[in-house]
C-alpha atoms as a PDB file:
ATOM      1  CA  UNK A   1      10.768 -18.071   5.338  1.00  0.00           C
ATOM      2  CA  UNK A   2       8.009 -18.017   2.778  1.00  0.00           C
ATOM      3  CA  UNK A   3       4.661 -16.345   2.452  1.00  0.00           C
ATOM      4  CA  UNK A   4       1.485 -17.876   1.137  1.00  0.00           C
ATOM      5  CA  UNK A   5       1.437 -15.830  -2.097  1.00  0.00           C
ATOM      6  CA  UNK A   6       2.511 -17.290  -5.464  1.00  0.00           C
ATOM      7  CA  UNK A   7       6.241 -16.634  -5.919  1.00  0.00           C
ATOM      8  CA  UNK A   8       5.744 -15.681  -9.577  1.00  0.00           C
ATOM      9  CA  UNK A   9       3.610 -12.695  -8.507  1.00  0.00           C
ATOM     10  CA  UNK A  10       6.606 -11.080  -6.782  1.00  0.00           C
ATOM     11  CA  UNK A  11       9.773 -12.357  -8.487  1.00  0.00           C
ATOM     12  CA  UNK A  12      11.996  -9.757  -6.766  1.00  0.00           C
ATOM     13  CA  UNK A  13      10.723 -10.456  -3.242  1.00  0.00           C
ATOM     14  CA  UNK A  14      13.462 -12.657  -1.826  1.00  0.00           C
ATOM     15  CA  UNK A  15      13.600 -13.959   1.745  1.00  0.00           C
ATOM     16  CA  UNK A  16      16.252 -11.335   2.504  1.00  0.00           C
ATOM     17  CA  UNK A  17      13.882  -8.500   1.499  1.00  0.00           C
ATOM     18  CA  UNK A  18      11.018  -8.936   3.939  1.00  0.00           C
ATOM     19  CA  UNK A  19       9.620 -10.238   7.209  1.00  0.00           C
ATOM     20  CA  UNK A  20       6.057 -11.173   8.085  1.00  0.00           C
ATOM     21  CA  UNK A  21       4.608  -9.556  11.170  1.00  0.00           C
ATOM     22  CA  UNK A  22       2.379 -12.039  13.000  1.00  0.00           C
ATOM     23  CA  UNK A  23      -0.517 -11.661  10.570  1.00  0.00           C
ATOM     24  CA  UNK A  24      -2.516 -14.284   8.756  1.00  0.00           C
ATOM     25  CA  UNK A  25      -3.750 -14.267   5.179  1.00  0.00           C
ATOM     26  CA  UNK A  26      -7.100 -12.476   5.022  1.00  0.00           C
ATOM     27  CA  UNK A  27      -9.473 -10.881   2.555  1.00  0.00           C
ATOM     28  CA  UNK A  28     -11.047  -8.649   5.247  1.00  0.00           C
ATOM     29  CA  UNK A  29      -8.881  -5.712   4.130  1.00  0.00           C
ATOM     30  CA  UNK A  30      -6.611  -4.843   1.223  1.00  0.00           C
ATOM     31  CA  UNK A  31      -3.481  -2.788   0.597  1.00  0.00           C
ATOM     32  CA  UNK A  32      -5.295   0.544   0.318  1.00  0.00           C
ATOM     33  CA  UNK A  33      -7.101  -0.028   3.619  1.00  0.00           C
ATOM     34  CA  UNK A  34      -3.813  -1.147   5.206  1.00  0.00           C
ATOM     35  CA  UNK A  35      -2.040   1.971   3.913  1.00  0.00           C
ATOM     36  CA  UNK A  36      -4.523   4.180   5.785  1.00  0.00           C
ATOM     37  CA  UNK A  37      -4.483   2.042   8.937  1.00  0.00           C
ATOM     38  CA  UNK A  38      -7.808   0.263   8.413  1.00  0.00           C
ATOM     39  CA  UNK A  39      -8.379  -3.470   8.769  1.00  0.00           C
ATOM     40  CA  UNK A  40     -12.166  -3.720   8.872  1.00  0.00           C
ATOM     41  CA  UNK A  41     -12.927  -3.658   5.118  1.00  0.00           C
ATOM     42  CA  UNK A  42     -11.442  -3.299   1.672  1.00  0.00           C
ATOM     43  CA  UNK A  43     -10.861   0.145   0.196  1.00  0.00           C
ATOM     44  CA  UNK A  44     -11.262   0.263  -3.569  1.00  0.00           C
ATOM     45  CA  UNK A  45     -13.273   2.485  -5.890  1.00  0.00           C
ATOM     46  CA  UNK A  46     -15.631  -0.242  -7.079  1.00  0.00           C
ATOM     47  CA  UNK A  47     -18.654   1.217  -8.828  1.00  0.00           C
ATOM     48  CA  UNK A  48     -21.021  -0.879  -6.685  1.00  0.00           C
ATOM     49  CA  UNK A  49     -19.900   0.853  -3.496  1.00  0.00           C
ATOM     50  CA  UNK A  50     -19.033  -2.419  -1.754  1.00  0.00           C
ATOM     51  CA  UNK A  51     -15.579  -1.325  -0.631  1.00  0.00           C
ATOM     52  CA  UNK A  52     -14.776   1.805   1.305  1.00  0.00           C
ATOM     53  CA  UNK A  53     -13.355   4.756  -0.604  1.00  0.00           C
ATOM     54  CA  UNK A  54     -11.845   8.076   0.340  1.00  0.00           C
ATOM     55  CA  UNK A  55     -14.406  10.446   1.890  1.00  0.00           C
ATOM     56  CA  UNK A  56     -15.942  13.041  -0.423  1.00  0.00           C
ATOM     57  CA  UNK A  57     -14.076  11.693  -3.459  1.00  0.00           C
ATOM     58  CA  UNK A  58     -16.150  10.376  -6.371  1.00  0.00           C
ATOM     59  CA  UNK A  59     -15.653   6.687  -7.123  1.00  0.00           C
ATOM     60  CA  UNK A  60     -13.963   6.357 -10.490  1.00  0.00           C
ATOM     61  CA  UNK A  61     -15.051   3.727 -12.969  1.00  0.00           C
ATOM     62  CA  UNK A  62     -11.434   2.875 -13.749  1.00  0.00           C
ATOM     63  CA  UNK A  63      -8.922   3.220 -10.853  1.00  0.00           C
ATOM     64  CA  UNK A  64      -6.146   5.411 -12.246  1.00  0.00           C
ATOM     65  CA  UNK A  65      -3.175   6.696 -10.298  1.00  0.00           C
ATOM     66  CA  UNK A  66      -4.656  10.197 -10.544  1.00  0.00           C
ATOM     67  CA  UNK A  67      -7.783   8.963  -8.727  1.00  0.00           C
ATOM     68  CA  UNK A  68      -5.692   7.576  -5.881  1.00  0.00           C
ATOM     69  CA  UNK A  69      -3.644  10.772  -5.669  1.00  0.00           C
ATOM     70  CA  UNK A  70      -6.936  12.662  -5.300  1.00  0.00           C
ATOM     71  CA  UNK A  71      -8.082  10.136  -2.696  1.00  0.00           C
ATOM     72  CA  UNK A  72      -4.979  10.358  -0.555  1.00  0.00           C
ATOM     73  CA  UNK A  73      -5.034  14.166  -0.902  1.00  0.00           C
ATOM     74  CA  UNK A  74      -8.528  14.117   0.632  1.00  0.00           C
ATOM     75  CA  UNK A  75      -7.027  12.780   3.869  1.00  0.00           C
ATOM     76  CA  UNK A  76      -4.104  15.187   4.029  1.00  0.00           C
ATOM     77  CA  UNK A  77      -1.426  13.699   1.779  1.00  0.00           C
ATOM     78  CA  UNK A  78       0.425  15.695  -0.865  1.00  0.00           C
ATOM     79  CA  UNK A  79       2.610  14.419  -3.652  1.00  0.00           C
ATOM     80  CA  UNK A  80       6.315  14.226  -2.872  1.00  0.00           C
ATOM     81  CA  UNK A  81       9.420  13.283  -4.826  1.00  0.00           C
ATOM     82  CA  UNK A  82      10.604  10.041  -3.264  1.00  0.00           C
ATOM     83  CA  UNK A  83      10.346   7.384  -0.591  1.00  0.00           C
ATOM     84  CA  UNK A  84      13.286   8.563   1.470  1.00  0.00           C
ATOM     85  CA  UNK A  85      12.460   8.575   5.186  1.00  0.00           C
ATOM     86  CA  UNK A  86      11.845  12.094   6.504  1.00  0.00           C
ATOM     87  CA  UNK A  87      11.537  12.669  10.234  1.00  0.00           C
ATOM     88  CA  UNK A  88       7.995  13.616  11.186  1.00  0.00           C
ATOM     89  CA  UNK A  89       6.418  12.457   7.899  1.00  0.00           C
ATOM     90  CA  UNK A  90       4.672   9.311   6.730  1.00  0.00           C
ATOM     91  CA  UNK A  91       4.697   8.279   3.101  1.00  0.00           C
ATOM     92  CA  UNK A  92       2.661   6.181   0.717  1.00  0.00           C
ATOM     93  CA  UNK A  93       4.132   4.606  -2.421  1.00  0.00           C
ATOM     94  CA  UNK A  94       1.634   3.998  -5.239  1.00  0.00           C
ATOM     95  CA  UNK A  95       2.238   1.153  -7.673  1.00  0.00           C
ATOM     96  CA  UNK A  96       0.704   0.965 -11.134  1.00  0.00           C
ATOM     97  CA  UNK A  97       0.693  -0.825 -14.453  1.00  0.00           C
ATOM     98  CA  UNK A  98      -0.113   0.470 -17.908  1.00  0.00           C
ATOM     99  CA  UNK A  99      -3.819  -0.045 -18.558  1.00  0.00           C
ATOM    100  CA  UNK A 100      -5.554  -1.220 -21.695  1.00  0.00           C
ATOM    101  CA  UNK A 101      -6.354   2.344 -22.787  1.00  0.00           C
ATOM    102  CA  UNK A 102      -2.940   3.784 -21.922  1.00  0.00           C
ATOM    103  CA  UNK A 103      -3.764   5.188 -18.469  1.00  0.00           C
ATOM    104  CA  UNK A 104      -1.657   4.229 -15.470  1.00  0.00           C
ATOM    105  CA  UNK A 105      -3.865   1.881 -13.476  1.00  0.00           C
ATOM    106  CA  UNK A 106      -3.335   1.840  -9.712  1.00  0.00           C
ATOM    107  CA  UNK A 107      -2.573  -1.632  -8.386  1.00  0.00           C
ATOM    108  CA  UNK A 108      -1.097  -1.316  -4.887  1.00  0.00           C
ATOM    109  CA  UNK A 109      -0.075   1.029  -2.078  1.00  0.00           C
ATOM    110  CA  UNK A 110       2.702   0.590   0.483  1.00  0.00           C
ATOM    111  CA  UNK A 111       3.022   2.565   3.733  1.00  0.00           C
ATOM    112  CA  UNK A 112       6.362   3.715   5.148  1.00  0.00           C
ATOM    113  CA  UNK A 113       6.985   2.695   8.746  1.00  0.00           C
ATOM    114  CA  UNK A 114       8.770   5.028  11.192  1.00  0.00           C
ATOM    115  CA  UNK A 115      11.961   2.939  10.813  1.00  0.00           C
ATOM    116  CA  UNK A 116      12.076   3.631   7.039  1.00  0.00           C
ATOM    117  CA  UNK A 117      10.916   0.175   5.979  1.00  0.00           C
ATOM    118  CA  UNK A 118       7.630  -0.327   4.157  1.00  0.00           C
ATOM    119  CA  UNK A 119       4.557  -2.372   4.956  1.00  0.00           C
ATOM    120  CA  UNK A 120       2.224  -3.868   2.384  1.00  0.00           C
ATOM    121  CA  UNK A 121      -0.879  -6.025   2.400  1.00  0.00           C
ATOM    122  CA  UNK A 122      -0.341  -8.499  -0.424  1.00  0.00           C
ATOM    123  CA  UNK A 123      -3.844  -9.051  -1.804  1.00  0.00           C
ATOM    124  CA  UNK A 124      -5.626 -11.760   0.187  1.00  0.00           C
ATOM    125  CA  UNK A 125      -2.319 -12.883   1.632  1.00  0.00           C
ATOM    126  CA  UNK A 126      -0.245 -11.610   4.579  1.00  0.00           C
ATOM    127  CA  UNK A 127       0.752  -8.070   5.320  1.00  0.00           C
ATOM    128  CA  UNK A 128       4.531  -7.820   5.329  1.00  0.00           C
ATOM    129  CA  UNK A 129       7.318  -5.459   6.236  1.00  0.00           C
ATOM    130  CA  UNK A 130       9.663  -5.045   3.272  1.00  0.00           C
ATOM    131  CA  UNK A 131      12.941  -3.208   3.054  1.00  0.00           C
ATOM    132  CA  UNK A 132      12.811  -2.049  -0.569  1.00  0.00           C
ATOM    133  CA  UNK A 133       9.932  -0.802  -2.681  1.00  0.00           C
ATOM    134  CA  UNK A 134      11.274  -2.444  -5.827  1.00  0.00           C
ATOM    135  CA  UNK A 135      11.027  -5.879  -4.216  1.00  0.00           C
ATOM    136  CA  UNK A 136       7.311  -5.805  -5.122  1.00  0.00           C
ATOM    137  CA  UNK A 137       7.937  -4.761  -8.740  1.00  0.00           C
ATOM    138  CA  UNK A 138       6.647  -7.289 -11.215  1.00  0.00           C
ATOM    139  CA  UNK A 139       3.618  -8.681 -12.973  1.00  0.00           C
ATOM    140  CA  UNK A 140       1.240  -8.288 -10.035  1.00  0.00           C
ATOM    141  CA  UNK A 141       1.755  -4.611  -9.145  1.00  0.00           C
ATOM    142  CA  UNK A 142       3.960  -3.084 -11.840  1.00  0.00           C
ATOM    143  CA  UNK A 143       6.236  -0.425 -10.353  1.00  0.00           C
ATOM    144  CA  UNK A 144       6.106   2.566  -8.010  1.00  0.00           C
ATOM    145  CA  UNK A 145       4.887   5.584  -9.947  1.00  0.00           C
ATOM    146  CA  UNK A 146       4.065   8.161  -7.248  1.00  0.00           C
ATOM    147  CA  UNK A 147       4.713   9.089  -3.640  1.00  0.00           C
ATOM    148  CA  UNK A 148       2.421  10.865  -1.193  1.00  0.00           C
ATOM    149  CA  UNK A 149       3.341  12.282   2.233  1.00  0.00           C
ATOM    150  CA  UNK A 150       1.830  14.028   5.232  1.00  0.00           C
ATOM    151  CA  UNK A 151       2.889  14.790   8.796  1.00  0.00           C
ATOM    152  CA  UNK A 152       3.127  11.499  10.698  1.00  0.00           C
ATOM    153  CA  UNK A 153      -0.036  10.598  12.560  1.00  0.00           C
ATOM    154  CA  UNK A 154      -0.858   7.966  15.111  1.00  0.00           C
ATOM    155  CA  UNK A 155      -1.688   4.916  13.027  1.00  0.00           C
ATOM    156  CA  UNK A 156      -3.717   2.024  14.368  1.00  0.00           C
ATOM    157  CA  UNK A 157      -2.362  -1.447  13.718  1.00  0.00           C
ATOM    158  CA  UNK A 158      -4.162  -4.746  14.224  1.00  0.00           C
ATOM    159  CA  UNK A 159      -3.700  -6.064  17.767  1.00  0.00           C
ATOM    160  CA  UNK A 160      -1.492  -8.908  16.534  1.00  0.00           C
ATOM    161  CA  UNK A 161       0.985  -6.533  14.882  1.00  0.00           C
ATOM    162  CA  UNK A 162       3.396  -4.322  16.701  1.00  0.00           C
ATOM    163  CA  UNK A 163       5.433  -1.954  14.559  1.00  0.00           C
ATOM    164  CA  UNK A 164       9.161  -2.648  14.506  1.00  0.00           C
ATOM    165  CA  UNK A 165      11.359  -0.619  16.787  1.00  0.00           C
ATOM    166  CA  UNK A 166      12.773   2.577  15.299  1.00  0.00           C
ATOM    167  CA  UNK A 167      15.996   2.323  17.308  1.00  0.00           C
END
């Protein structure tokens, strides 16, 4: 099985590490939108205000990890230590790379499914279910640098996607 993304972007993402739900490549939403259950527009702190951003959180000029932590906190998430599945909680993993001026620059967010696997929207490509966070480590996203959690909430998914069974 292969996705439509360039293999060199995700060198650790082998066929054994992921499955594609029945989604198609799209630029209608991105990984941040997907992580909060939205598929109607991109979420990113662009200074032009084109994309959506977390409510009541100023749009940063440069998207650091700290800005995303503040954003997710505005919708009920708190920082937590790891991505281990905890009953009754949902988690977000934030990826980042070192920026030009030394700050950790946010690059990606993955959402933990109720079965413990993760789901990610890979840029303008498919959204996938992946079994390990480090399978997305590499030149495109860097590595996971922070985790956020909150009590699990009902999360809307696109009509074509049904979350995997938790049994």
